[in-house]
């Protein structure tokens, strides 16, 4: 049976949501899978809403475009939930039954009663990943938050591995095979100024990816792929 995940990533400008989605997609392809990606954002400015739609599978993918009914949603910033900073509201809109929400937060968030009820009705599984905290602790910079998110997602989907993600990260920061927007390129410059050498930049980002991957495995999230296989083919 095919493994397939439609993933909607939502965050705010300055977090590298689009960069993270490109790296994750490439990591799946590097591991022998299939993936397509469509970024969606308005004005390229810090804290403006950003979404990216990523499809990953172990079989050919023929669809492209916005993902309305995701199997997984990734919330890169809690303000997507608390301030409605997303093009898709509520943040879980369209999430399939028994779908997964990976949320960047140090612990469970207090949701509105209606949100709690609706998520319970679809038996959604909420995973809270301290992505920004991991980024600060491991890399000494919060701009590696996106690396933590894709590291955990790699473990959750099981469609890539650390070697494949490592190659994707290296290609991204060495400028191979990526076409970036002006805003994303500017963000890259900010990140690079935080480190003395590009190799250190790559090493720090990979360390965050690995830390988040291990966090997901240690918490049993990697087992999600077994339950999501049948849902993904529905």
Protein backbone atom coordinates (compact mmCIF):
# COMPACT_ATOMS: atom_id res chain seq x y z
CA UNK A 1 0.00 0.00 0.00
CA UNK A 2 1.33 3.42 -0.93
CA UNK A 3 2.50 5.86 1.71
CA UNK A 4 1.36 9.38 0.96
CA UNK A 5 1.23 12.56 2.98
CA UNK A 6 -0.18 15.93 2.01
CA UNK A 7 1.47 18.48 4.29
CA UNK A 8 0.46 22.08 4.86
CA UNK A 9 3.17 24.21 6.48
CA UNK A 10 2.16 27.52 8.05
CA UNK A 11 4.30 30.13 9.74
CA UNK A 12 5.34 33.76 9.57
CA UNK A 13 7.88 35.63 7.48
CA UNK A 14 11.45 35.33 8.70
CA UNK A 15 11.22 31.71 9.87
CA UNK A 16 12.31 30.07 6.64
CA UNK A 17 9.07 28.14 6.07
CA UNK A 18 9.62 28.06 2.31
CA UNK A 19 13.30 27.16 2.69
CA UNK A 20 12.37 24.38 5.10
CA UNK A 21 9.75 23.00 2.75
CA UNK A 22 12.25 22.95 -0.14
CA UNK A 23 14.82 21.13 1.97
CA UNK A 24 12.31 18.58 3.24
CA UNK A 25 10.96 17.95 -0.26
CA UNK A 26 14.47 17.50 -1.63
CA UNK A 27 15.32 15.20 1.27
CA UNK A 28 12.43 12.92 0.32
CA UNK A 29 13.57 12.87 -3.31
CA UNK A 30 17.17 12.18 -2.24
CA UNK A 31 15.89 9.14 -0.34
CA UNK A 32 14.18 7.77 -3.45
CA UNK A 33 10.69 9.14 -2.84
CA UNK A 34 8.54 11.61 -4.74
CA UNK A 35 7.61 15.14 -3.74
CA UNK A 36 6.10 18.36 -5.06
CA UNK A 37 6.03 21.77 -3.41
CA UNK A 38 4.04 24.97 -3.86
CA UNK A 39 4.88 27.99 -1.65
CA UNK A 40 2.22 30.62 -0.98
CA UNK A 41 2.83 34.04 0.54
CA UNK A 42 1.88 37.66 0.07
CA UNK A 43 4.22 40.47 1.02
CA UNK A 44 7.74 39.26 1.80
CA UNK A 45 8.18 40.83 5.21
CA UNK A 46 8.89 39.62 8.69
CA UNK A 47 5.88 38.18 10.58
CA UNK A 48 3.61 38.20 7.50
CA UNK A 49 1.71 34.90 6.97
CA UNK A 50 3.48 32.24 4.93
CA UNK A 51 2.28 28.81 3.82
CA UNK A 52 3.87 26.06 1.79
CA UNK A 53 2.17 22.94 0.45
CA UNK A 54 4.24 19.78 0.22
CA UNK A 55 3.20 16.39 -1.12
CA UNK A 56 5.43 13.40 -0.38
CA UNK A 57 4.97 9.78 -1.38
CA UNK A 58 6.76 6.56 -2.24
CA UNK A 59 4.87 6.56 -5.56
CA UNK A 60 4.56 9.11 -8.40
CA UNK A 61 2.62 12.30 -7.58
CA UNK A 62 0.49 13.94 -10.26
CA UNK A 63 -1.15 16.75 -8.27
CA UNK A 64 0.21 20.20 -7.62
CA UNK A 65 -1.26 23.28 -6.02
CA UNK A 66 -2.84 24.25 -2.72
CA UNK A 67 -3.51 21.50 -0.19
CA UNK A 68 -7.01 21.93 1.19
CA UNK A 69 -7.29 18.63 3.05
CA UNK A 70 -3.91 17.79 4.56
CA UNK A 71 -2.92 14.66 6.43
CA UNK A 72 -0.39 16.73 8.36
CA UNK A 73 -0.17 20.39 9.28
CA UNK A 74 3.03 22.03 10.52
CA UNK A 75 2.71 25.19 12.61
CA UNK A 76 6.06 26.98 12.65
CA UNK A 77 4.94 29.81 14.96
CA UNK A 78 2.29 29.78 17.74
CA UNK A 79 0.89 33.09 16.46
CA UNK A 80 -0.54 31.11 13.55
CA UNK A 81 -2.92 29.74 16.20
CA UNK A 82 -3.24 32.59 18.69
CA UNK A 83 -3.32 35.51 16.22
CA UNK A 84 -4.75 33.75 13.18
CA UNK A 85 -1.60 34.50 11.18
CA UNK A 86 -2.33 32.02 8.43
CA UNK A 87 -4.05 31.99 5.06
CA UNK A 88 -6.01 28.98 6.32
CA UNK A 89 -8.17 29.50 9.41
CA UNK A 90 -8.74 27.93 11.80
CA UNK A 91 -5.22 26.51 11.71
CA UNK A 92 -6.52 22.94 11.44
CA UNK A 93 -9.05 23.63 8.66
CA UNK A 94 -9.41 20.62 6.35
CA UNK A 95 -7.24 18.34 8.48
CA UNK A 96 -8.18 14.75 7.73
CA UNK A 97 -9.57 12.42 10.37
CA UNK A 98 -6.75 11.15 12.60
CA UNK A 99 -4.48 13.75 11.02
CA UNK A 100 -1.39 15.15 12.69
CA UNK A 101 -0.56 18.69 13.78
CA UNK A 102 3.13 19.35 14.50
CA UNK A 103 3.25 22.60 16.49
CA UNK A 104 6.31 24.61 17.42
CA UNK A 105 5.78 25.18 21.13
CA UNK A 106 7.50 24.14 24.34
CA UNK A 107 4.38 22.36 25.59
CA UNK A 108 0.64 21.94 25.02
CA UNK A 109 -1.11 25.18 24.12
CA UNK A 110 -4.40 26.31 25.56
CA UNK A 111 -6.85 26.23 22.66
CA UNK A 112 -10.31 27.69 22.36
CA UNK A 113 -13.10 25.32 23.56
CA UNK A 114 -14.51 25.03 20.02
CA UNK A 115 -11.07 24.19 18.68
CA UNK A 116 -10.56 21.53 21.35
CA UNK A 117 -13.94 20.00 20.51
CA UNK A 118 -13.46 20.01 16.74
CA UNK A 119 -9.98 18.53 16.97
CA UNK A 120 -11.30 15.82 19.27
CA UNK A 121 -14.12 15.05 16.82
CA UNK A 122 -11.64 14.23 14.06
CA UNK A 123 -9.34 12.43 16.50
CA UNK A 124 -6.45 14.74 15.57
CA UNK A 125 -3.05 14.06 17.08
CA UNK A 126 -1.24 17.17 18.31
CA UNK A 127 2.54 16.94 18.66
CA UNK A 128 4.30 19.83 20.39
CA UNK A 129 7.90 20.24 19.31
CA UNK A 130 10.10 22.84 21.07
CA UNK A 131 11.61 23.73 17.70
CA UNK A 132 12.79 27.24 18.57
CA UNK A 133 14.21 26.07 21.89
CA UNK A 134 16.08 23.25 20.14
CA UNK A 135 17.40 25.72 17.59
CA UNK A 136 18.69 28.05 20.32
CA UNK A 137 20.15 25.25 22.44
CA UNK A 138 21.87 23.40 19.59
CA UNK A 139 22.74 26.12 17.07
CA UNK A 140 22.67 29.22 19.25
CA UNK A 141 20.25 30.95 16.86
CA UNK A 142 16.48 30.86 16.48
CA UNK A 143 16.66 30.97 12.67
CA UNK A 144 17.28 27.21 12.62
CA UNK A 145 13.71 26.64 13.87
CA UNK A 146 12.75 25.44 10.39
CA UNK A 147 15.50 22.81 10.54
CA UNK A 148 13.97 21.41 13.72
CA UNK A 149 10.53 21.23 12.11
CA UNK A 150 11.73 19.32 9.05
CA UNK A 151 13.88 17.01 11.17
CA UNK A 152 10.89 15.93 13.21
CA UNK A 153 8.76 15.61 10.08
CA UNK A 154 11.36 13.33 8.52
CA UNK A 155 10.96 10.93 11.41
CA UNK A 156 7.17 11.22 11.40
CA UNK A 157 6.68 10.41 7.71
CA UNK A 158 9.50 7.87 7.37
CA UNK A 159 9.94 8.88 3.72
CA UNK A 160 13.45 10.26 4.13
CA UNK A 161 16.51 9.74 6.30
CA UNK A 162 19.26 11.80 7.88
CA UNK A 163 21.73 11.25 5.03
CA UNK A 164 19.17 12.43 2.47
CA UNK A 165 18.24 15.47 4.56
CA UNK A 166 21.91 16.26 5.15
CA UNK A 167 22.53 16.35 1.41
CA UNK A 168 19.49 18.59 0.93
CA UNK A 169 20.76 21.01 3.57
CA UNK A 170 24.23 21.09 2.01
CA UNK A 171 22.82 21.73 -1.47
CA UNK A 172 20.59 24.49 -0.13
CA UNK A 173 23.32 26.45 1.62
CA UNK A 174 25.88 25.84 -1.10
CA UNK A 175 23.44 27.31 -3.61
CA UNK A 176 22.88 24.20 -5.71
CA UNK A 177 19.57 23.63 -7.41
CA UNK A 178 17.51 26.26 -5.60
CA UNK A 179 15.89 29.41 -6.90
CA UNK A 180 15.04 31.69 -4.00
CA UNK A 181 13.05 34.88 -3.69
CA UNK A 182 14.65 38.16 -2.73
CA UNK A 183 13.25 37.91 0.79
CA UNK A 184 14.52 34.38 1.28
CA UNK A 185 17.93 35.31 -0.09
CA UNK A 186 18.09 38.23 2.34
CA UNK A 187 17.25 35.87 5.20
CA UNK A 188 20.06 33.57 4.11
CA UNK A 189 22.47 36.50 4.34
CA UNK A 190 21.34 37.22 7.90
CA UNK A 191 21.85 33.58 8.87
CA UNK A 192 25.28 33.41 7.26
CA UNK A 193 26.47 36.47 9.15
CA UNK A 194 25.80 34.59 12.39
CA UNK A 195 28.51 32.06 11.58
CA UNK A 196 32.17 32.45 10.64
CA UNK A 197 32.18 29.85 7.92
CA UNK A 198 29.57 28.28 5.67
CA UNK A 199 30.60 24.81 6.85
CA UNK A 200 29.78 25.82 10.41
CA UNK A 201 26.40 27.03 9.18
CA UNK A 202 25.73 23.65 7.59
CA UNK A 203 26.96 21.71 10.62
CA UNK A 204 24.82 23.72 13.04
CA UNK A 205 21.70 23.30 10.91
CA UNK A 206 22.29 19.57 10.56
CA UNK A 207 22.76 19.27 14.32
CA UNK A 208 19.32 20.86 14.81
CA UNK A 209 17.76 18.53 12.21
CA UNK A 210 19.23 15.52 14.03
CA UNK A 211 18.17 16.76 17.48
CA UNK A 212 14.57 17.19 16.33
CA UNK A 213 14.60 13.81 14.54
CA UNK A 214 15.73 12.15 17.76
CA UNK A 215 13.12 14.07 19.74
CA UNK A 216 10.36 12.74 17.47
CA UNK A 217 11.68 9.18 17.68
CA UNK A 218 12.07 9.33 21.46
CA UNK A 219 8.46 10.48 21.80
CA UNK A 220 7.12 7.71 19.57
CA UNK A 221 5.94 10.02 16.80
CA UNK A 222 7.69 8.03 14.07
CA UNK A 223 5.02 5.35 14.47
CA UNK A 224 2.50 7.77 12.94
CA UNK A 225 3.41 6.59 9.44
CA UNK A 226 1.75 3.22 10.07
CA UNK A 227 -1.58 4.80 10.97
CA UNK A 228 -1.40 7.46 8.28
CA UNK A 229 -0.86 5.08 5.36
CA UNK A 230 -4.50 4.10 4.97
CA UNK A 231 -5.69 7.64 5.59
CA UNK A 232 -3.34 8.94 2.94
CA UNK A 233 -4.93 6.74 0.29
CA UNK A 234 -8.48 7.77 1.14
